[in-house]
N, C-alpha and C. Protein backbone atom coordinates (compact mmCIF):
# COMPACT_ATOMS: atom_id res chain seq x y z
N MET A 1 20.40 11.64 -88.18
CA MET A 1 21.14 11.84 -89.41
C MET A 1 20.29 11.31 -90.56
N THR A 2 20.11 12.11 -91.57
CA THR A 2 19.34 11.67 -92.74
C THR A 2 20.29 11.15 -93.79
N GLN A 3 19.76 10.23 -94.55
CA GLN A 3 20.58 9.69 -95.63
C GLN A 3 19.71 9.50 -96.85
N ALA A 4 20.36 9.55 -97.99
CA ALA A 4 19.65 9.36 -99.25
C ALA A 4 19.24 7.90 -99.35
N PRO A 5 18.07 7.62 -99.95
CA PRO A 5 17.63 6.24 -100.10
C PRO A 5 18.66 5.43 -100.88
N GLY A 6 18.94 4.23 -100.39
CA GLY A 6 19.85 3.35 -101.10
C GLY A 6 21.32 3.54 -100.74
N PHE A 7 21.62 4.54 -99.92
CA PHE A 7 23.00 4.77 -99.52
C PHE A 7 23.13 4.51 -98.02
N GLY A 8 24.07 3.71 -97.65
CA GLY A 8 24.28 3.40 -96.24
C GLY A 8 25.48 4.12 -95.67
N PHE A 9 25.83 5.28 -96.23
CA PHE A 9 27.03 5.98 -95.82
C PHE A 9 27.07 6.27 -94.32
N PRO A 10 26.05 6.87 -93.71
CA PRO A 10 26.14 7.15 -92.28
C PRO A 10 26.31 5.88 -91.44
N ASP A 11 25.63 4.81 -91.83
CA ASP A 11 25.79 3.55 -91.09
C ASP A 11 27.22 3.04 -91.19
N ARG A 12 27.77 3.06 -92.39
CA ARG A 12 29.14 2.59 -92.57
C ARG A 12 30.13 3.49 -91.82
N LEU A 13 29.87 4.79 -91.84
CA LEU A 13 30.74 5.72 -91.14
C LEU A 13 30.70 5.45 -89.63
N GLU A 14 29.52 5.22 -89.09
CA GLU A 14 29.41 4.92 -87.66
C GLU A 14 30.10 3.60 -87.34
N MET A 15 29.98 2.61 -88.21
CA MET A 15 30.64 1.32 -87.98
C MET A 15 32.16 1.49 -88.02
N ALA A 16 32.64 2.29 -88.96
CA ALA A 16 34.08 2.52 -89.06
C ALA A 16 34.58 3.26 -87.82
N ALA A 17 33.83 4.25 -87.36
CA ALA A 17 34.22 4.99 -86.16
C ALA A 17 34.25 4.06 -84.94
N GLU A 18 33.28 3.18 -84.84
CA GLU A 18 33.25 2.22 -83.72
C GLU A 18 34.44 1.26 -83.81
N ALA A 19 34.78 0.82 -85.00
CA ALA A 19 35.93 -0.07 -85.17
C ALA A 19 37.22 0.64 -84.75
N LEU A 20 37.34 1.92 -85.08
CA LEU A 20 38.53 2.68 -84.67
C LEU A 20 38.59 2.84 -83.15
N ARG A 21 37.45 3.08 -82.51
CA ARG A 21 37.43 3.18 -81.05
C ARG A 21 37.86 1.86 -80.41
N LEU A 22 37.38 0.74 -80.95
CA LEU A 22 37.76 -0.57 -80.42
C LEU A 22 39.25 -0.83 -80.63
N GLN A 23 39.76 -0.45 -81.81
CA GLN A 23 41.18 -0.63 -82.10
C GLN A 23 42.02 0.17 -81.12
N GLU A 24 41.61 1.41 -80.83
CA GLU A 24 42.33 2.24 -79.89
C GLU A 24 42.30 1.63 -78.49
N ALA A 25 41.16 1.12 -78.07
CA ALA A 25 41.05 0.48 -76.76
C ALA A 25 41.95 -0.75 -76.70
N ASP A 26 41.99 -1.54 -77.77
CA ASP A 26 42.85 -2.72 -77.81
C ASP A 26 44.32 -2.32 -77.73
N ALA A 27 44.71 -1.27 -78.45
CA ALA A 27 46.09 -0.81 -78.43
C ALA A 27 46.47 -0.32 -77.04
N ASP A 28 45.59 0.44 -76.40
CA ASP A 28 45.85 0.91 -75.04
C ASP A 28 46.01 -0.28 -74.09
N TRP A 29 45.12 -1.24 -74.20
CA TRP A 29 45.18 -2.42 -73.33
C TRP A 29 46.48 -3.19 -73.55
N LEU A 30 46.87 -3.38 -74.81
CA LEU A 30 48.09 -4.12 -75.12
C LEU A 30 49.31 -3.40 -74.54
N LEU A 31 49.38 -2.10 -74.73
CA LEU A 31 50.52 -1.34 -74.23
C LEU A 31 50.56 -1.35 -72.70
N GLU A 32 49.41 -1.18 -72.07
CA GLU A 32 49.34 -1.21 -70.60
C GLU A 32 49.78 -2.57 -70.06
N SER A 33 49.27 -3.65 -70.66
CA SER A 33 49.61 -4.99 -70.16
C SER A 33 51.07 -5.33 -70.42
N LEU A 34 51.61 -4.94 -71.57
CA LEU A 34 53.04 -5.15 -71.85
C LEU A 34 53.89 -4.40 -70.83
N ALA A 35 53.55 -3.16 -70.58
CA ALA A 35 54.32 -2.35 -69.63
C ALA A 35 54.28 -2.97 -68.24
N PHE A 36 53.11 -3.40 -67.81
CA PHE A 36 52.96 -3.98 -66.48
C PHE A 36 53.82 -5.24 -66.34
N ARG A 37 53.70 -6.15 -67.31
CA ARG A 37 54.44 -7.41 -67.22
C ARG A 37 55.94 -7.20 -67.32
N LEU A 38 56.38 -6.37 -68.25
CA LEU A 38 57.82 -6.14 -68.41
C LEU A 38 58.41 -5.41 -67.20
N GLU A 39 57.64 -4.49 -66.63
CA GLU A 39 58.12 -3.76 -65.45
C GLU A 39 58.27 -4.71 -64.26
N GLN A 40 57.39 -5.70 -64.16
CA GLN A 40 57.48 -6.69 -63.09
C GLN A 40 58.67 -7.63 -63.30
N LEU A 41 58.89 -8.04 -64.55
CA LEU A 41 59.93 -9.01 -64.85
C LEU A 41 61.33 -8.41 -64.94
N LEU A 42 61.43 -7.23 -65.56
CA LEU A 42 62.75 -6.63 -65.84
C LEU A 42 62.79 -5.15 -65.47
N PRO A 43 62.59 -4.82 -64.21
CA PRO A 43 62.49 -3.39 -63.86
C PRO A 43 63.73 -2.57 -64.22
N GLU A 44 64.90 -3.20 -64.20
CA GLU A 44 66.13 -2.45 -64.48
C GLU A 44 66.36 -2.26 -65.98
N ARG A 45 65.63 -2.95 -66.82
CA ARG A 45 65.84 -2.86 -68.28
C ARG A 45 64.68 -2.19 -69.01
N VAL A 46 63.65 -1.81 -68.29
CA VAL A 46 62.45 -1.26 -68.91
C VAL A 46 62.25 0.17 -68.44
N SER A 47 61.98 1.06 -69.39
CA SER A 47 61.55 2.41 -69.02
C SER A 47 60.18 2.63 -69.66
N ILE A 48 59.31 3.23 -68.88
CA ILE A 48 57.92 3.42 -69.32
C ILE A 48 57.61 4.90 -69.29
N ARG A 49 57.01 5.37 -70.38
CA ARG A 49 56.61 6.77 -70.49
C ARG A 49 55.09 6.82 -70.32
N ARG A 50 54.67 7.61 -69.34
CA ARG A 50 53.23 7.76 -69.07
C ARG A 50 52.81 9.19 -69.33
N GLY A 51 51.52 9.37 -69.65
CA GLY A 51 50.99 10.70 -69.87
C GLY A 51 49.52 10.75 -69.53
N GLY A 52 49.00 11.93 -69.31
CA GLY A 52 47.60 12.11 -68.97
C GLY A 52 47.47 12.70 -67.58
N LEU A 53 46.52 13.59 -67.41
CA LEU A 53 46.36 14.26 -66.12
C LEU A 53 45.47 13.48 -65.15
N ILE A 54 44.31 13.10 -65.60
CA ILE A 54 43.36 12.45 -64.70
C ILE A 54 43.73 11.00 -64.46
N ARG A 55 43.93 10.28 -65.51
CA ARG A 55 44.30 8.86 -65.42
C ARG A 55 45.53 8.64 -66.30
N PRO A 56 46.72 8.69 -65.71
CA PRO A 56 47.92 8.51 -66.53
C PRO A 56 47.92 7.16 -67.24
N ARG A 57 48.17 7.20 -68.52
CA ARG A 57 48.23 5.99 -69.33
C ARG A 57 49.64 5.79 -69.85
N VAL A 58 49.93 4.56 -70.17
CA VAL A 58 51.22 4.26 -70.78
C VAL A 58 51.20 4.80 -72.20
N ARG A 59 52.17 5.63 -72.53
CA ARG A 59 52.29 6.20 -73.88
C ARG A 59 53.37 5.49 -74.69
N GLY A 60 54.32 4.88 -73.97
CA GLY A 60 55.39 4.19 -74.67
C GLY A 60 56.26 3.43 -73.69
N LEU A 61 57.02 2.49 -74.22
CA LEU A 61 57.95 1.74 -73.38
C LEU A 61 59.19 1.40 -74.18
N THR A 62 60.28 1.25 -73.45
CA THR A 62 61.57 0.91 -74.04
C THR A 62 62.18 -0.22 -73.24
N VAL A 63 62.69 -1.22 -73.96
CA VAL A 63 63.33 -2.37 -73.31
C VAL A 63 64.70 -2.57 -73.94
N LEU A 64 65.71 -2.74 -73.09
CA LEU A 64 67.06 -3.06 -73.57
C LEU A 64 67.27 -4.55 -73.35
N ALA A 65 67.51 -5.27 -74.44
CA ALA A 65 67.71 -6.72 -74.35
C ALA A 65 68.56 -7.21 -75.51
N ASP A 66 69.53 -8.05 -75.19
CA ASP A 66 70.34 -8.73 -76.20
C ASP A 66 70.97 -7.76 -77.20
N GLY A 67 71.48 -6.64 -76.69
CA GLY A 67 72.16 -5.69 -77.57
C GLY A 67 71.23 -4.90 -78.48
N GLN A 68 69.96 -4.80 -78.09
CA GLN A 68 69.01 -4.03 -78.90
C GLN A 68 68.10 -3.21 -78.00
N GLU A 69 67.66 -2.09 -78.53
CA GLU A 69 66.67 -1.27 -77.84
C GLU A 69 65.33 -1.49 -78.55
N PHE A 70 64.36 -1.99 -77.80
CA PHE A 70 63.02 -2.25 -78.32
C PHE A 70 62.11 -1.13 -77.83
N ARG A 71 61.45 -0.44 -78.76
CA ARG A 71 60.52 0.63 -78.39
C ARG A 71 59.13 0.34 -78.95
N CYS A 72 58.14 0.64 -78.14
CA CYS A 72 56.75 0.52 -78.58
C CYS A 72 56.01 1.72 -78.01
N ALA A 73 55.20 2.38 -78.83
CA ALA A 73 54.52 3.59 -78.38
C ALA A 73 53.15 3.73 -79.03
N ALA A 74 52.27 4.42 -78.32
CA ALA A 74 50.95 4.74 -78.85
C ALA A 74 51.11 5.88 -79.86
N LEU A 75 50.51 5.72 -81.01
CA LEU A 75 50.56 6.75 -82.05
C LEU A 75 49.24 7.51 -82.08
N VAL A 76 49.24 8.64 -82.74
CA VAL A 76 48.00 9.39 -82.92
C VAL A 76 47.01 8.52 -83.67
N GLY A 77 45.80 8.45 -83.21
CA GLY A 77 44.79 7.63 -83.87
C GLY A 77 44.62 6.28 -83.19
N GLY A 78 45.40 6.01 -82.16
CA GLY A 78 45.20 4.81 -81.39
C GLY A 78 45.99 3.59 -81.80
N ALA A 79 46.74 3.67 -82.87
CA ALA A 79 47.54 2.52 -83.29
C ALA A 79 48.83 2.47 -82.46
N LEU A 80 49.55 1.36 -82.58
CA LEU A 80 50.85 1.22 -81.93
C LEU A 80 51.95 1.26 -82.98
N GLY A 81 53.06 1.84 -82.61
CA GLY A 81 54.24 1.84 -83.46
C GLY A 81 55.37 1.15 -82.72
N ALA A 82 56.16 0.37 -83.42
CA ALA A 82 57.24 -0.36 -82.78
C ALA A 82 58.51 -0.21 -83.61
N SER A 83 59.63 -0.17 -82.89
CA SER A 83 60.92 -0.09 -83.57
C SER A 83 61.97 -0.78 -82.72
N LEU A 84 63.09 -1.09 -83.36
CA LEU A 84 64.23 -1.61 -82.63
C LEU A 84 65.49 -1.05 -83.23
N ALA A 85 66.50 -0.92 -82.36
CA ALA A 85 67.78 -0.35 -82.78
C ALA A 85 68.90 -1.12 -82.11
N PRO A 86 69.99 -1.34 -82.83
CA PRO A 86 71.13 -2.01 -82.21
C PRO A 86 71.81 -1.08 -81.20
N VAL A 87 72.34 -1.67 -80.13
CA VAL A 87 73.08 -0.91 -79.13
C VAL A 87 74.39 -1.65 -78.90
N ARG A 88 75.51 -0.98 -79.16
CA ARG A 88 76.83 -1.56 -78.97
C ARG A 88 77.67 -0.60 -78.16
N LYS A 89 78.12 -1.05 -77.01
CA LYS A 89 78.98 -0.25 -76.13
C LYS A 89 78.40 1.13 -75.86
N GLY A 90 77.10 1.19 -75.62
CA GLY A 90 76.43 2.44 -75.28
C GLY A 90 76.10 3.33 -76.47
N ILE A 91 76.42 2.88 -77.67
CA ILE A 91 76.12 3.67 -78.87
C ILE A 91 74.90 3.05 -79.56
N TYR A 92 73.91 3.88 -79.80
CA TYR A 92 72.66 3.43 -80.39
C TYR A 92 72.70 3.57 -81.90
N GLY A 93 72.36 2.49 -82.58
CA GLY A 93 72.30 2.52 -84.04
C GLY A 93 70.98 3.09 -84.52
N ARG A 94 70.84 3.11 -85.80
CA ARG A 94 69.63 3.65 -86.43
C ARG A 94 68.44 2.73 -86.16
N PRO A 95 67.34 3.28 -85.61
CA PRO A 95 66.17 2.43 -85.36
C PRO A 95 65.45 2.08 -86.66
N ARG A 96 64.86 0.90 -86.67
CA ARG A 96 64.03 0.53 -87.82
C ARG A 96 62.65 0.15 -87.31
N ARG A 97 61.65 0.57 -88.06
CA ARG A 97 60.27 0.26 -87.69
C ARG A 97 59.95 -1.18 -88.06
N VAL A 98 59.18 -1.81 -87.19
CA VAL A 98 58.74 -3.18 -87.44
C VAL A 98 57.28 -3.28 -87.03
N PRO A 99 56.54 -4.21 -87.63
CA PRO A 99 55.16 -4.43 -87.17
C PRO A 99 55.15 -4.89 -85.71
N VAL A 100 54.11 -4.55 -84.98
CA VAL A 100 54.03 -4.85 -83.56
C VAL A 100 54.14 -6.35 -83.29
N GLN A 101 53.50 -7.18 -84.11
CA GLN A 101 53.59 -8.63 -83.90
C GLN A 101 55.03 -9.11 -84.03
N GLU A 102 55.76 -8.59 -85.00
CA GLU A 102 57.16 -8.98 -85.17
C GLU A 102 57.99 -8.46 -84.00
N TRP A 103 57.69 -7.25 -83.54
CA TRP A 103 58.39 -6.66 -82.40
C TRP A 103 58.27 -7.56 -81.17
N VAL A 104 57.05 -8.02 -80.89
CA VAL A 104 56.82 -8.89 -79.74
C VAL A 104 57.61 -10.19 -79.91
N ARG A 105 57.58 -10.77 -81.10
CA ARG A 105 58.30 -12.02 -81.36
C ARG A 105 59.81 -11.82 -81.19
N LEU A 106 60.35 -10.73 -81.72
CA LEU A 106 61.79 -10.45 -81.60
C LEU A 106 62.19 -10.18 -80.15
N LEU A 107 61.33 -9.50 -79.40
CA LEU A 107 61.61 -9.26 -77.99
C LEU A 107 61.63 -10.58 -77.21
N GLU A 108 60.68 -11.45 -77.48
CA GLU A 108 60.67 -12.77 -76.82
C GLU A 108 61.96 -13.53 -77.12
N GLN A 109 62.38 -13.53 -78.37
CA GLN A 109 63.61 -14.24 -78.75
C GLN A 109 64.83 -13.64 -78.06
N ALA A 110 64.90 -12.31 -77.99
CA ALA A 110 66.03 -11.65 -77.34
C ALA A 110 66.08 -12.00 -75.85
N LEU A 111 64.93 -12.01 -75.20
CA LEU A 111 64.89 -12.35 -73.78
C LEU A 111 65.26 -13.81 -73.54
N GLU A 112 64.84 -14.69 -74.45
CA GLU A 112 65.21 -16.11 -74.33
C GLU A 112 66.72 -16.28 -74.47
N ARG A 113 67.34 -15.58 -75.43
CA ARG A 113 68.80 -15.67 -75.60
C ARG A 113 69.53 -15.18 -74.36
N GLU A 114 69.05 -14.09 -73.77
CA GLU A 114 69.69 -13.59 -72.56
C GLU A 114 69.54 -14.57 -71.40
N ALA A 115 68.37 -15.18 -71.28
CA ALA A 115 68.16 -16.16 -70.21
C ALA A 115 69.09 -17.35 -70.39
N GLN A 116 69.30 -17.80 -71.63
CA GLN A 116 70.21 -18.92 -71.87
C GLN A 116 71.65 -18.54 -71.51
N ARG A 117 72.05 -17.31 -71.82
CA ARG A 117 73.39 -16.85 -71.46
C ARG A 117 73.58 -16.82 -69.94
N VAL A 118 72.56 -16.36 -69.22
CA VAL A 118 72.64 -16.31 -67.76
C VAL A 118 72.77 -17.72 -67.20
N ASP A 119 72.00 -18.67 -67.74
CA ASP A 119 72.09 -20.05 -67.28
C ASP A 119 73.48 -20.62 -67.54
N THR A 120 74.04 -20.37 -68.70
CA THR A 120 75.38 -20.85 -69.04
C THR A 120 76.42 -20.24 -68.11
N ASP A 121 76.31 -18.94 -67.85
CA ASP A 121 77.24 -18.27 -66.94
C ASP A 121 77.12 -18.85 -65.53
N ARG A 122 75.90 -19.09 -65.08
CA ARG A 122 75.68 -19.64 -63.74
C ARG A 122 76.29 -21.03 -63.62
N GLU A 123 76.11 -21.86 -64.65
CA GLU A 123 76.68 -23.20 -64.62
C GLU A 123 78.20 -23.14 -64.55
N GLY A 124 78.80 -22.23 -65.30
CA GLY A 124 80.26 -22.07 -65.26
C GLY A 124 80.74 -21.62 -63.90
N LEU A 125 80.06 -20.70 -63.28
CA LEU A 125 80.44 -20.24 -61.94
C LEU A 125 80.27 -21.35 -60.91
N ASN A 126 79.22 -22.15 -61.05
CA ASN A 126 79.00 -23.26 -60.11
C ASN A 126 80.12 -24.29 -60.20
N ARG A 127 80.71 -24.46 -61.37
CA ARG A 127 81.82 -25.39 -61.51
C ARG A 127 83.09 -24.86 -60.83
N ILE A 128 83.26 -23.54 -60.88
CA ILE A 128 84.44 -22.93 -60.28
C ILE A 128 84.29 -22.82 -58.75
N VAL A 129 83.14 -22.34 -58.32
CA VAL A 129 82.88 -22.14 -56.90
C VAL A 129 81.81 -23.14 -56.46
N PRO A 130 82.24 -24.20 -55.77
CA PRO A 130 81.27 -25.22 -55.37
C PRO A 130 80.36 -24.75 -54.26
């Protein structure tokens, strides 16, 4: 590739393309690892969408926790998109988009609240049934 003297456009373009490839690889890795861990921990609450012919990859995942539906999916261009929606008595509310870091934090908090409820319920049952 030739470039005009004093202009680093092709170099910058190649660097930007490489950064995008790395970002896509990171997003794929994050989605794959999240899906694997959540599927191991909460198989009945997690649904995973996979796609691809030769090597199926995780394209998205959905987790139901603490009255909310948490969704995370691979977007065109390699980025991740995340949303959450309230769920009450089987009725799904309007989803709202959130940054992936916030999504992970909110999912952790929802799972912690559910774990505390289970512990409280277990303690109550142990008092009733020795």
